[in-house]
Amino acid sequence: MDRTFRLLGGALVLAFFGLLPHAEAATPADTIVMARIIDDIGTLDPAEAYTLNEAEIVSNCYDRMLRFEPEDLTKLVGEAVESWTVSDDGRTFTFKVRPGQKFHSGDPLTAEDIAFSLQRVVILNKAPGLLLTQLGWAADNVKQLITAEGRDTVRLTIVNDFAPSLVLNLLSSTVTSVVEEKLAMSHDVNGDLGNLWLKTHDAGSGPYALRSWTPNDSVILEADPGYRLGAPAIKHIILKHTPEPSTQRLTLEKGDADIARDLTADQIAAIAADPDIVVTKSLFSQIWYLGLNMKDARLANPKVREAIRYLIDYKGMASSFLAGQVVVHQSFEPSGVLAALDDTPYSLDVPKAKQLLAEAGYPNGFEVRIDVYNVSPFPEIAQSMQHSMAMAGIKLDIVEDDHKLANSLYGARQHQITLARWAPDYADPHSNALWFAYNTDNSDHPKSKPMTWRNSWYIPELSLETDAARKEKDLAKRAELYRDIQEKVRTEGPFVVLFQINRETAVRKNVKGFVLGPIYDAVFYRLISK
């Protein structure tokens, strides 16, 4: 029997989007309003979604193959599947579909839907497709290597050697979200497998259904009353685009928002004594880093890159305007991930940087552009670096862009220096190593565009080491390989890792159960209550 969802009443939407006066300073008991910067959303198709907010929304609208659930974020469990086996050679994975699961349309979720969803990612080959194509799947073989056997069994055969634990961790990423084949294909346009339609609609089986997305304004989700783990307590989730942190704070204090996600350190300090607001903290796997484009001859010089590492006041920023929101971290693997390097060998050292610049042939420094997101605290970080780098003669020209423009410039290698952020797609060191330590095709039109490619760092030898690490079945040996790779990347590569994020989230005291896990798509709405 088809399920139906009760649409949000027009008055409710108008009231919370500022078009009607509020009758009282509180959101309805069945609604959560999040004040959040969401201008990075460009698509909500699981085969294409890859930014932080895109993945978070997809995560709450779709069940995927495997997952680290909020009840125990250390244990990998089945979501769309209930069990699995791995062949002795580690190449074939057989999954049993969880019985009784249904899509938001009311139709049952079957093995064919799972096979279609994975095949679709590979065939479309959008940005997150790299996660699956690294297994050896391609458009011309994927339908033979990913098959449905009846309605309850899915068999995956990988071509390349991977540690089985890595494959299972990979299958917990949002790119394995299960899309309803019949619904997606009913909106197929010229062979796009429903991509255009799924940018703004959902065909999932998760705890919430997408009701609307208005770019740079809002996302509205509605609870699925038939969700397999029970209907969420909160019927409506509204993400309201609020680019100014000061406005987020104001709406939270007034009760017009239940949760504020992007407050600055000084705003967090200012609301600390408010009895109606609680601030939670959680170490997040996201890193903030500089990408130095080695197409620029100056930045291609290793002594220049080393000098820049010594021209940043990491501790000064972390103890002042970023206090409580970051920890100094200088490796591409975030703390908490297997083999992460947590030492911090770099600090502000102007004399050393000047010496390196002189040895590189730039005794008077040079002028260079840096692209940063136009929301706090990124401009402030750039201003701090502008001040410290000027001590050695490097003049930073700060250009503030919105998320889409900054990401577009970076993805096209049209930057000089960019201040960017990144979080692993799944809980395994290979997730980040694939992006920061692998590039075997530095041409202008490669099949994939990892951060190494974006910064024009061609590393066939290091890529072989990364290949060896992902194949190693002995966990201790595998960890040692990744530690060695990290050391090489941070001393030789075009990346200057600055911080790891310590997320501070402000919520009204009546809001309970909002779980933010360590991975960017492990943000759970289904346990929220008031």
Protein backbone atom coordinates (compact mmCIF):
# COMPACT_ATOMS: atom_id res chain seq x y z
CA MET A 1 0.00 0.00 0.00
CA ASP A 2 1.40 3.40 -0.98
CA ARG A 3 2.41 5.69 1.81
CA THR A 4 1.36 9.31 1.78
CA PHE A 5 3.08 12.21 3.53
CA ARG A 6 1.25 15.14 4.99
CA LEU A 7 2.69 18.24 3.36
CA LEU A 8 3.79 21.16 5.46
CA GLY A 9 1.07 23.71 5.89
CA GLY A 10 1.65 26.93 4.01
CA ALA A 11 1.33 29.06 7.13
CA LEU A 12 4.07 27.06 8.86
CA VAL A 13 6.47 27.49 5.98
CA LEU A 14 5.73 31.19 5.65
CA ALA A 15 6.11 31.79 9.35
CA PHE A 16 9.50 30.18 9.62
CA PHE A 17 10.82 31.71 6.46
CA GLY A 18 10.17 35.17 7.82
CA LEU A 19 7.11 36.07 5.78
CA LEU A 20 4.61 36.12 8.62
CA PRO A 21 4.99 37.45 12.18
CA HIS A 22 5.56 34.75 14.76
CA ALA A 23 2.80 34.11 17.23
CA GLU A 24 5.36 32.98 19.80
CA ALA A 25 9.10 32.68 20.09
CA ALA A 26 9.26 28.94 19.62
CA THR A 27 9.12 26.50 16.76
CA PRO A 28 6.31 23.89 16.69
CA ALA A 29 6.81 20.74 18.74
CA ASP A 30 6.99 18.57 15.62
CA THR A 31 9.47 20.80 13.74
CA ILE A 32 13.20 21.46 13.94
CA VAL A 33 14.59 24.58 12.29
CA MET A 34 18.36 24.60 11.74
CA ALA A 35 20.14 27.86 10.99
CA ARG A 36 22.90 26.72 8.66
CA ILE A 37 25.08 27.85 5.77
CA ILE A 38 23.85 25.66 2.90
CA ASP A 39 25.01 27.48 -0.22
CA ASP A 40 27.22 24.52 -1.17
CA ILE A 41 24.20 22.48 -2.30
CA GLY A 42 24.09 21.94 -6.05
CA THR A 43 22.50 18.50 -6.29
CA LEU A 44 20.80 15.94 -4.05
CA ASP A 45 21.35 12.95 -6.34
CA PRO A 46 23.33 10.38 -4.29
CA ALA A 47 25.43 9.54 -7.36
CA GLU A 48 26.54 13.16 -7.59
CA ALA A 49 26.19 14.75 -4.13
CA TYR A 50 29.60 15.37 -2.59
CA THR A 51 29.66 18.58 -0.57
CA LEU A 52 29.12 18.57 3.18
CA ASN A 53 25.48 19.63 3.12
CA GLU A 54 24.61 17.55 0.07
CA ALA A 55 25.92 14.40 1.76
CA GLU A 56 24.21 15.24 5.06
CA ILE A 57 20.80 15.58 3.42
CA VAL A 58 21.26 12.47 1.27
CA SER A 59 22.30 10.61 4.40
CA ASN A 60 18.97 11.36 6.04
CA CYS A 61 16.82 10.67 2.96
CA TYR A 62 18.40 7.40 1.82
CA ASP A 63 19.45 4.17 3.43
CA ARG A 64 22.74 2.88 2.02
CA MET A 65 24.31 -0.57 1.99
CA LEU A 66 26.26 -0.39 5.27
CA ARG A 67 26.55 2.22 7.97
CA PHE A 68 27.94 3.27 11.34
CA GLU A 69 24.63 3.96 13.10
CA PRO A 70 24.29 6.61 15.87
CA GLU A 71 23.50 3.97 18.47
CA ASP A 72 27.11 2.74 18.15
CA LEU A 73 29.38 4.78 15.90
CA THR A 74 32.22 2.27 16.28
CA LYS A 75 30.38 -0.70 14.75
CA LEU A 76 29.74 -1.20 11.03
CA VAL A 77 26.28 -2.66 10.46
CA GLY A 78 23.99 -3.39 7.56
CA GLU A 79 21.44 -0.79 6.57
CA ALA A 80 19.81 -1.79 3.26
CA VAL A 81 21.42 -5.21 3.70
CA GLU A 82 21.34 -7.37 6.79
CA SER A 83 24.31 -9.71 6.29
CA TRP A 84 27.23 -10.47 3.99
CA THR A 85 29.99 -12.93 3.20
CA VAL A 86 33.39 -12.51 1.53
CA SER A 87 35.05 -15.07 -0.71
CA ASP A 88 38.42 -16.55 0.30
CA ASP A 89 40.25 -14.51 -2.34
CA GLY A 90 38.63 -11.28 -1.10
CA ARG A 91 37.20 -10.49 -4.53
CA THR A 92 33.50 -11.46 -4.23
CA PHE A 93 31.09 -9.99 -1.69
CA THR A 94 27.60 -11.44 -1.31
CA PHE A 95 24.90 -9.45 0.50
CA LYS A 96 21.44 -10.40 1.74
CA VAL A 97 18.87 -7.62 1.50
CA ARG A 98 17.08 -6.60 4.67
CA PRO A 99 13.50 -7.91 4.34
CA GLY A 100 10.46 -5.69 4.58
CA GLN A 101 12.21 -2.43 3.73
CA LYS A 102 10.26 0.06 1.61
CA PHE A 103 10.93 3.22 -0.32
CA HIS A 104 9.11 6.47 0.39
CA SER A 105 6.82 5.59 -2.53
CA GLY A 106 5.67 2.47 -0.66
CA ASP A 107 7.32 0.01 -3.06
CA PRO A 108 9.66 -2.65 -1.64
CA LEU A 109 13.44 -2.24 -1.74
CA THR A 110 14.97 -5.17 -3.61
CA ALA A 111 18.36 -6.49 -4.67
CA GLU A 112 17.71 -5.10 -8.14
CA ASP A 113 17.41 -1.58 -6.69
CA ILE A 114 20.75 -1.98 -4.91
CA ALA A 115 22.49 -3.31 -8.03
CA PHE A 116 20.97 -0.54 -10.14
CA SER A 117 22.08 2.13 -7.66
CA LEU A 118 25.71 1.01 -7.65
CA GLN A 119 25.79 0.50 -11.42
CA ARG A 120 24.26 3.94 -11.87
CA VAL A 121 27.07 5.62 -9.89
CA VAL A 122 29.69 4.02 -12.10
CA ILE A 123 27.87 4.73 -15.38
CA LEU A 124 27.17 8.38 -14.53
CA ASN A 125 30.76 8.78 -13.31
CA LYS A 126 30.13 11.99 -11.38
CA ALA A 127 32.64 13.25 -8.80
CA PRO A 128 31.97 10.59 -6.10
CA GLY A 129 32.06 7.84 -8.74
CA LEU A 130 35.80 7.53 -8.07
CA LEU A 131 34.95 5.77 -4.82
CA LEU A 132 33.50 2.83 -6.75
CA THR A 133 35.50 2.90 -9.97
CA GLN A 134 38.71 2.39 -7.97
CA LEU A 135 37.43 -1.16 -7.38
CA GLY A 136 37.86 -1.83 -11.09
CA TRP A 137 34.26 -1.15 -12.06
CA ALA A 138 33.65 0.73 -15.30
CA ALA A 139 30.68 1.46 -17.52
CA ASP A 140 31.52 -1.47 -19.79
CA ASN A 141 31.82 -4.12 -17.06
CA VAL A 142 29.77 -2.95 -14.10
CA LYS A 143 26.56 -4.81 -15.01
CA GLN A 144 28.50 -8.08 -15.08
CA LEU A 145 30.35 -7.38 -11.81
CA ILE A 146 27.38 -6.06 -9.82
CA THR A 147 24.40 -8.37 -10.08
CA ALA A 148 21.09 -9.05 -8.37
CA GLU A 149 20.27 -12.70 -7.83
CA GLY A 150 16.57 -12.78 -7.16
CA ARG A 151 14.99 -10.11 -4.97
CA ASP A 152 17.11 -10.65 -1.88
CA THR A 153 20.75 -11.25 -2.92
CA VAL A 154 23.36 -8.90 -4.37
CA ARG A 155 26.77 -10.08 -5.55
CA LEU A 156 29.69 -7.69 -6.05
CA THR A 157 32.94 -8.75 -7.68
CA ILE A 158 35.89 -6.37 -7.51
CA VAL A 159 38.64 -6.33 -10.13
CA ASN A 160 41.43 -4.67 -8.16
CA ASP A 161 42.93 -5.99 -4.93
CA PHE A 162 41.63 -4.30 -1.82
CA ALA A 163 41.69 -5.29 1.83
CA PRO A 164 38.15 -6.63 2.50
CA SER A 165 37.83 -4.32 5.50
CA LEU A 166 38.50 -1.36 3.22
CA VAL A 167 35.81 -2.49 0.75
CA LEU A 168 33.23 -2.81 3.52
CA ASN A 169 34.15 0.59 4.93
CA LEU A 170 33.84 2.05 1.43
CA LEU A 171 30.37 0.56 1.07
CA SER A 172 29.29 2.65 4.06
CA SER A 173 29.70 5.90 2.12
CA THR A 174 26.69 7.87 0.85
CA VAL A 175 27.49 6.95 -2.74
CA THR A 176 26.04 3.49 -1.98
CA SER A 177 22.65 5.01 -1.12
CA VAL A 178 19.87 2.90 -2.60
CA VAL A 179 17.79 4.65 -5.26
CA GLU A 180 14.41 3.26 -6.30
CA GLU A 181 15.05 2.07 -9.86
CA LYS A 182 11.47 2.30 -11.12
CA LEU A 183 11.01 5.87 -9.88
CA ALA A 184 14.40 7.09 -11.10
CA MET A 185 13.97 5.55 -14.54
CA SER A 186 10.50 7.02 -14.89
CA HIS A 187 12.31 10.38 -14.98
CA ASP A 188 15.13 9.32 -17.30
CA VAL A 189 16.03 12.02 -19.83
CA ASN A 190 18.29 11.05 -22.71
CA GLY A 191 19.91 8.26 -20.74
CA ASP A 192 20.71 10.30 -17.61
CA LEU A 193 19.22 7.58 -15.34
CA GLY A 194 17.04 10.20 -13.65
CA ASN A 195 19.97 12.44 -12.69
CA LEU A 196 18.29 15.73 -13.60
CA TRP A 197 15.15 14.85 -11.63
CA LEU A 198 17.04 13.47 -8.63
CA LYS A 199 18.96 16.72 -8.24
CA THR A 200 15.82 18.15 -6.62
CA HIS A 201 13.79 15.06 -5.64
CA ASP A 202 14.43 11.90 -3.68
CA ALA A 203 13.81 8.24 -4.38
CA GLY A 204 15.06 6.83 -1.12
CA SER A 205 14.02 4.78 1.88
CA GLY A 206 15.60 6.81 4.68
CA PRO A 207 13.96 8.33 7.75
CA TYR A 208 13.11 11.55 5.94
CA ALA A 209 11.78 12.41 2.48
CA LEU A 210 12.85 15.51 0.60
CA ARG A 211 9.91 17.87 0.23
CA SER A 212 11.68 20.88 -1.28
CA TRP A 213 15.03 22.50 -1.89
CA THR A 214 15.21 26.17 -2.76
CA PRO A 215 18.81 27.08 -3.62
CA ASN A 216 20.44 29.49 -1.16
CA ASP A 217 17.24 29.55 0.88
CA SER A 218 16.03 26.32 2.44
CA VAL A 219 15.69 22.56 2.47
CA ILE A 220 12.53 20.97 3.87
CA LEU A 221 12.39 17.32 4.89
CA GLU A 222 9.39 15.33 6.11
CA ALA A 223 9.50 12.23 8.28
CA ASP A 224 8.62 8.85 6.77
CA PRO A 225 6.03 7.34 9.13
CA GLY A 226 6.87 3.85 7.85
CA TYR A 227 10.64 4.03 8.33
CA ARG A 228 12.11 0.62 9.17
CA LEU A 229 13.44 1.77 12.59
CA GLY A 230 10.24 3.58 13.46
CA ALA A 231 8.86 7.00 12.59
CA PRO A 232 11.16 9.87 13.64
CA ALA A 233 9.84 11.92 16.54
CA ILE A 234 10.26 15.16 14.59
CA LYS A 235 8.01 15.37 11.53
CA HIS A 236 9.60 18.33 9.80
CA ILE A 237 13.25 19.31 9.46
CA ILE A 238 13.90 22.74 7.96
CA LEU A 239 17.43 23.81 7.06
CA LYS A 240 17.29 27.56 6.66
CA HIS A 241 20.20 29.15 4.81
CA THR A 242 21.59 31.72 7.23
CA PRO A 243 24.96 32.93 5.94
CA GLU A 244 25.69 35.35 8.76
CA PRO A 245 26.66 33.69 12.06
CA SER A 246 25.36 36.75 13.92
CA THR A 247 21.92 36.12 12.40
CA GLN A 248 22.13 32.46 13.37
CA ARG A 249 22.79 33.48 16.95
CA LEU A 250 19.91 35.96 16.97
CA THR A 251 17.38 33.48 15.57
CA LEU A 252 18.51 30.86 18.09
CA GLU A 253 18.21 33.24 21.03
CA LYS A 254 14.75 34.37 19.90
CA GLY A 255 13.59 30.78 19.51
CA ASP A 256 13.05 31.09 15.75
CA ALA A 257 15.69 28.40 15.26
CA ASP A 258 16.24 25.27 17.33
CA ILE A 259 19.82 24.62 16.24
CA ALA A 260 22.61 26.92 15.02
CA ARG A 261 25.44 25.14 13.20
CA ASP A 262 27.95 27.86 12.24
CA LEU A 263 28.48 30.17 15.20
CA THR A 264 31.90 31.75 15.67
CA ALA A 265 34.01 31.26 18.77
CA ASP A 266 33.11 34.66 20.20
CA GLN A 267 29.40 34.00 19.65
CA ILE A 268 29.69 30.64 21.39
CA ALA A 269 31.35 32.40 24.32
CA ALA A 270 28.62 35.05 24.37
CA ILE A 271 25.78 32.54 24.71
CA ALA A 272 27.55 30.34 27.26
CA ALA A 273 25.54 31.79 30.13
CA ASP A 274 22.17 31.59 28.36
CA PRO A 275 20.08 29.05 30.34
CA ASP A 276 17.96 28.26 27.28
CA ILE A 277 20.87 27.19 25.07
CA VAL A 278 23.25 24.24 25.28
CA VAL A 279 26.52 24.03 23.36
CA THR A 280 27.77 20.60 22.36
CA LYS A 281 31.25 19.74 21.05
CA SER A 282 32.38 16.86 18.85
CA LEU A 283 35.70 16.25 17.12
CA PHE A 284 34.99 16.05 13.43
CA SER A 285 37.11 14.37 10.75
CA GLN A 286 37.11 17.49 8.57
CA ILE A 287 40.47 19.17 7.96
CA TRP A 288 41.12 22.71 6.76
CA TYR A 289 44.12 23.10 4.50
CA LEU A 290 45.84 25.18 1.85
CA GLY A 291 46.07 23.83 -1.68
CA LEU A 292 49.09 25.24 -3.55
CA ASN A 293 48.71 24.94 -7.31
CA MET A 294 52.01 23.67 -8.71
CA LYS A 295 51.14 24.99 -12.15
CA ASP A 296 52.50 28.18 -10.62
CA ALA A 297 56.31 27.89 -10.90
CA ARG A 298 56.83 29.62 -7.57
CA LEU A 299 54.58 27.19 -5.71
CA ALA A 300 56.15 24.26 -7.57
CA ASN A 301 59.42 25.07 -5.77
CA PRO A 302 59.65 22.78 -2.70
CA LYS A 303 61.51 25.42 -0.67
CA VAL A 304 58.68 27.91 -1.26
CA ARG A 305 56.12 25.37 -0.06
CA GLU A 306 58.22 24.65 3.02
CA ALA A 307 58.59 28.38 3.70
CA ILE A 308 54.81 28.81 3.59
CA ARG A 309 54.45 26.06 6.20
CA TYR A 310 56.60 28.17 8.53
CA LEU A 311 54.67 31.39 7.85
CA ILE A 312 51.40 30.41 9.51
CA ASP A 313 50.48 31.16 13.11
CA TYR A 314 48.64 27.89 13.73
CA LYS A 315 48.59 28.13 17.52
CA GLY A 316 47.80 31.82 17.54
CA MET A 317 44.66 31.33 15.48
CA ALA A 318 43.60 28.22 17.40
CA SER A 319 43.87 30.07 20.71
CA SER A 320 42.21 33.32 19.65
CA PHE A 321 39.38 33.75 17.14
CA LEU A 322 39.14 29.98 16.50
CA ALA A 323 39.31 29.02 20.17
CA GLY A 324 37.30 25.87 20.88
CA GLN A 325 36.43 25.31 17.23
CA VAL A 326 39.65 23.75 15.93
CA VAL A 327 42.70 21.82 17.00
CA VAL A 328 46.02 22.27 15.23
CA HIS A 329 46.48 19.29 12.91
CA GLN A 330 49.07 18.93 10.15
CA SER A 331 48.39 15.67 8.34
CA PHE A 332 45.77 14.75 5.76
CA GLU A 333 44.48 11.86 7.88
CA PRO A 334 42.31 13.31 10.67
CA SER A 335 42.83 12.29 14.25
CA GLY A 336 40.77 9.22 15.09
CA VAL A 337 41.35 7.52 11.73
CA LEU A 338 43.67 4.52 11.61
CA ALA A 339 47.34 5.59 11.31
CA ALA A 340 46.71 9.34 11.61
CA LEU A 341 49.80 11.41 12.43
CA ASP A 342 48.91 13.72 15.30
CA ASP A 343 52.27 15.45 15.75
CA THR A 344 52.56 19.09 14.66
CA PRO A 345 56.09 19.78 13.37
CA TYR A 346 55.37 23.21 11.87
CA SER A 347 54.98 26.52 13.67
CA LEU A 348 55.46 30.22 12.88
CA ASP A 349 59.18 30.73 12.22
CA VAL A 350 59.79 33.83 10.09
CA PRO A 351 63.62 33.70 10.02
CA LYS A 352 63.55 30.10 8.80
CA ALA A 353 60.95 30.96 6.16
CA LYS A 354 63.02 33.93 4.93
CA GLN A 355 66.05 31.68 4.57
CA LEU A 356 64.05 29.14 2.56
CA LEU A 357 62.62 31.83 0.29
CA ALA A 358 66.11 33.21 -0.35
CA GLU A 359 67.38 29.73 -1.21
CA ALA A 360 64.44 29.35 -3.58
CA GLY A 361 65.36 32.58 -5.37
CA TYR A 362 62.68 34.81 -3.82
CA PRO A 363 64.53 36.85 -1.15
CA ASN A 364 61.93 39.62 -1.40
CA GLY A 365 58.94 37.30 -1.53
CA PHE A 366 56.21 37.61 -4.15
CA GLU A 367 52.52 38.36 -4.62
CA VAL A 368 50.02 35.52 -4.83
CA ARG A 369 46.23 35.13 -4.82
CA ILE A 370 44.36 33.08 -2.22
CA ASP A 371 40.71 32.06 -2.72
CA VAL A 372 38.65 31.61 0.44
CA TYR A 373 35.01 30.98 1.27
CA ASN A 374 33.19 34.24 1.94
CA VAL A 375 31.83 33.09 5.31
CA SER A 376 33.44 33.31 8.73
CA PRO A 377 35.97 32.19 9.85
CA PHE A 378 37.67 31.68 6.47
CA PRO A 379 38.29 35.38 5.68
CA GLU A 380 39.70 35.80 9.19
CA ILE A 381 42.06 32.84 8.70
CA ALA A 382 43.23 34.35 5.41
CA GLN A 383 43.79 37.73 7.08
CA SER A 384 45.92 36.11 9.78
CA MET A 385 48.04 34.40 7.13
CA GLN A 386 48.22 37.61 5.12
CA HIS A 387 49.77 39.29 8.16
CA SER A 388 52.23 36.52 9.01
CA MET A 389 53.32 35.86 5.42
CA ALA A 390 53.95 39.55 4.87
CA MET A 391 56.74 39.28 7.46
CA ALA A 392 58.73 37.34 4.87
CA GLY A 393 57.63 39.38 1.87
CA ILE A 394 54.81 37.19 0.57
CA LYS A 395 51.81 39.37 -0.25
CA LEU A 396 48.53 37.46 -0.11
CA ASP A 397 45.73 38.90 -2.24
CA ILE A 398 42.58 37.62 -0.60
CA VAL A 399 39.62 36.86 -2.89
CA GLU A 400 36.41 35.85 -1.15
CA ASP A 401 34.11 33.50 -3.11
CA ASP A 402 30.91 31.68 -2.31
CA HIS A 403 31.24 27.92 -1.88
CA LYS A 404 30.17 27.05 -5.41
CA LEU A 405 32.58 29.46 -7.09
CA ALA A 406 35.51 28.54 -4.85
CA ASN A 407 34.90 24.83 -5.41
CA SER A 408 34.52 25.39 -9.15
CA LEU A 409 37.82 27.27 -9.42
CA TYR A 410 39.57 24.60 -7.39
CA GLY A 411 38.08 21.78 -9.42
CA ALA A 412 39.29 23.42 -12.64
CA ARG A 413 42.84 24.16 -11.35
CA GLN A 414 42.23 27.89 -11.79
CA HIS A 415 43.52 28.89 -8.36
CA GLN A 416 46.96 29.79 -7.06
CA ILE A 417 46.36 29.11 -3.39
CA THR A 418 43.01 28.02 -2.02
CA LEU A 419 41.84 27.64 1.56
CA ALA A 420 39.72 24.50 1.46
CA ARG A 421 38.18 21.87 3.68
CA TRP A 422 37.84 18.14 3.32
CA ALA A 423 36.46 15.17 5.21
CA PRO A 424 36.82 11.46 4.45
CA ASP A 425 33.99 9.68 2.67
CA TYR A 426 34.20 6.63 4.91
CA ALA A 427 36.06 5.49 8.03
CA ASP A 428 39.25 4.19 6.46
CA PRO A 429 42.64 5.87 5.83
CA HIS A 430 42.41 5.05 2.13
CA SER A 431 39.47 7.44 1.79
CA ASN A 432 41.72 10.48 2.19
CA ALA A 433 44.87 8.87 0.77
CA LEU A 434 43.09 8.41 -2.54
CA TRP A 435 42.62 12.18 -2.75
CA PHE A 436 45.85 13.47 -1.19
CA ALA A 437 48.40 10.80 -2.16
CA TYR A 438 47.36 9.49 -5.56
CA ASN A 439 47.67 10.92 -9.07
CA THR A 440 48.74 8.91 -12.11
CA ASP A 441 47.16 11.19 -14.73
CA ASN A 442 48.04 14.86 -14.63
CA SER A 443 46.47 15.66 -18.02
CA ASP A 444 43.84 18.36 -18.31
CA HIS A 445 41.00 15.85 -18.64
CA PRO A 446 41.63 12.87 -16.36
CA LYS A 447 39.03 10.32 -15.33
CA SER A 448 39.19 11.57 -11.75
CA LYS A 449 40.24 14.84 -10.14
CA PRO A 450 41.69 14.23 -6.68
CA MET A 451 43.27 17.04 -4.68
CA THR A 452 46.67 16.00 -6.02
CA TRP A 453 45.48 16.61 -9.58
CA ARG A 454 43.78 19.87 -8.64
CA ASN A 455 47.14 21.12 -7.39
CA SER A 456 49.07 19.63 -10.35
CA TRP A 457 51.08 17.19 -8.26
CA TYR A 458 51.97 14.19 -10.43
CA ILE A 459 53.13 11.32 -8.21
CA PRO A 460 53.22 7.93 -9.94
CA GLU A 461 55.70 6.49 -7.40
CA LEU A 462 53.74 7.59 -4.33
CA SER A 463 50.56 6.36 -6.02
CA LEU A 464 52.12 2.88 -6.12
CA GLU A 465 52.72 3.11 -2.37
CA THR A 466 49.09 4.11 -1.87
CA ASP A 467 48.06 1.12 -3.98
CA ALA A 468 50.17 -1.15 -1.79
CA ALA A 469 48.59 0.23 1.38
CA ARG A 470 45.05 -0.40 0.19
CA LYS A 471 45.90 -4.02 -0.69
CA GLU A 472 47.62 -4.88 2.60
CA LYS A 473 45.48 -7.25 4.65
CA ASP A 474 47.65 -7.08 7.81
CA LEU A 475 46.21 -4.12 9.74
CA ALA A 476 49.45 -3.20 11.54
CA LYS A 477 51.46 -3.23 8.31
CA ARG A 478 48.75 -1.28 6.56
CA ALA A 479 48.83 1.40 9.26
CA GLU A 480 52.60 1.74 8.95
CA LEU A 481 52.32 2.21 5.19
CA TYR A 482 49.79 5.00 5.63
CA ARG A 483 51.97 6.73 8.23
CA ASP A 484 54.87 6.76 5.78
CA ILE A 485 52.62 8.15 3.02
CA GLN A 486 51.39 10.95 5.26
CA GLU A 487 54.93 11.97 6.15
CA LYS A 488 55.88 12.23 2.49
CA VAL A 489 52.78 14.21 1.59
CA ARG A 490 53.18 16.81 4.31
CA THR A 491 56.87 17.42 3.58
CA GLU A 492 56.83 17.16 -0.22
CA GLY A 493 53.27 17.81 -1.32
CA PRO A 494 51.27 20.92 -2.25
CA PHE A 495 49.14 20.78 0.89
CA VAL A 496 49.48 22.74 4.12
CA VAL A 497 47.10 21.18 6.62
CA LEU A 498 46.10 23.71 9.28
CA PHE A 499 43.40 22.38 11.55
CA GLN A 500 40.95 19.64 12.38
CA ILE A 501 37.49 20.78 13.30
CA ASN A 502 36.01 20.59 16.76
CA ARG A 503 32.36 21.20 15.96
CA GLU A 504 30.48 23.42 18.36
CA THR A 505 26.73 23.22 17.89
CA ALA A 506 24.31 25.44 19.78
CA VAL A 507 20.83 24.01 20.46
CA ARG A 508 17.80 25.09 22.43
CA LYS A 509 17.76 23.23 25.73
CA ASN A 510 14.51 21.40 24.85
CA VAL A 511 16.17 19.73 21.84
CA LYS A 512 17.55 16.27 22.53
CA GLY A 513 19.25 13.53 20.53
CA PHE A 514 20.97 15.46 17.75
CA VAL A 515 23.95 13.23 16.88
CA LEU A 516 26.94 14.47 14.89
CA GLY A 517 29.34 11.66 14.19
CA PRO A 518 33.00 12.01 13.19
CA ILE A 519 32.39 11.56 9.44
CA TYR A 520 30.74 14.34 7.42
CA ASP A 521 27.73 12.23 6.42
CA ALA A 522 27.21 10.87 9.94
CA VAL A 523 24.78 13.59 10.96
CA PHE A 524 21.56 12.03 12.17
CA TYR A 525 18.13 13.66 12.32
CA ARG A 526 16.02 10.61 13.16
CA LEU A 527 16.82 10.61 16.90
CA ILE A 528 16.06 14.30 17.48
CA SER A 529 13.22 15.04 19.88
CA LYS A 530 11.81 17.92 21.87
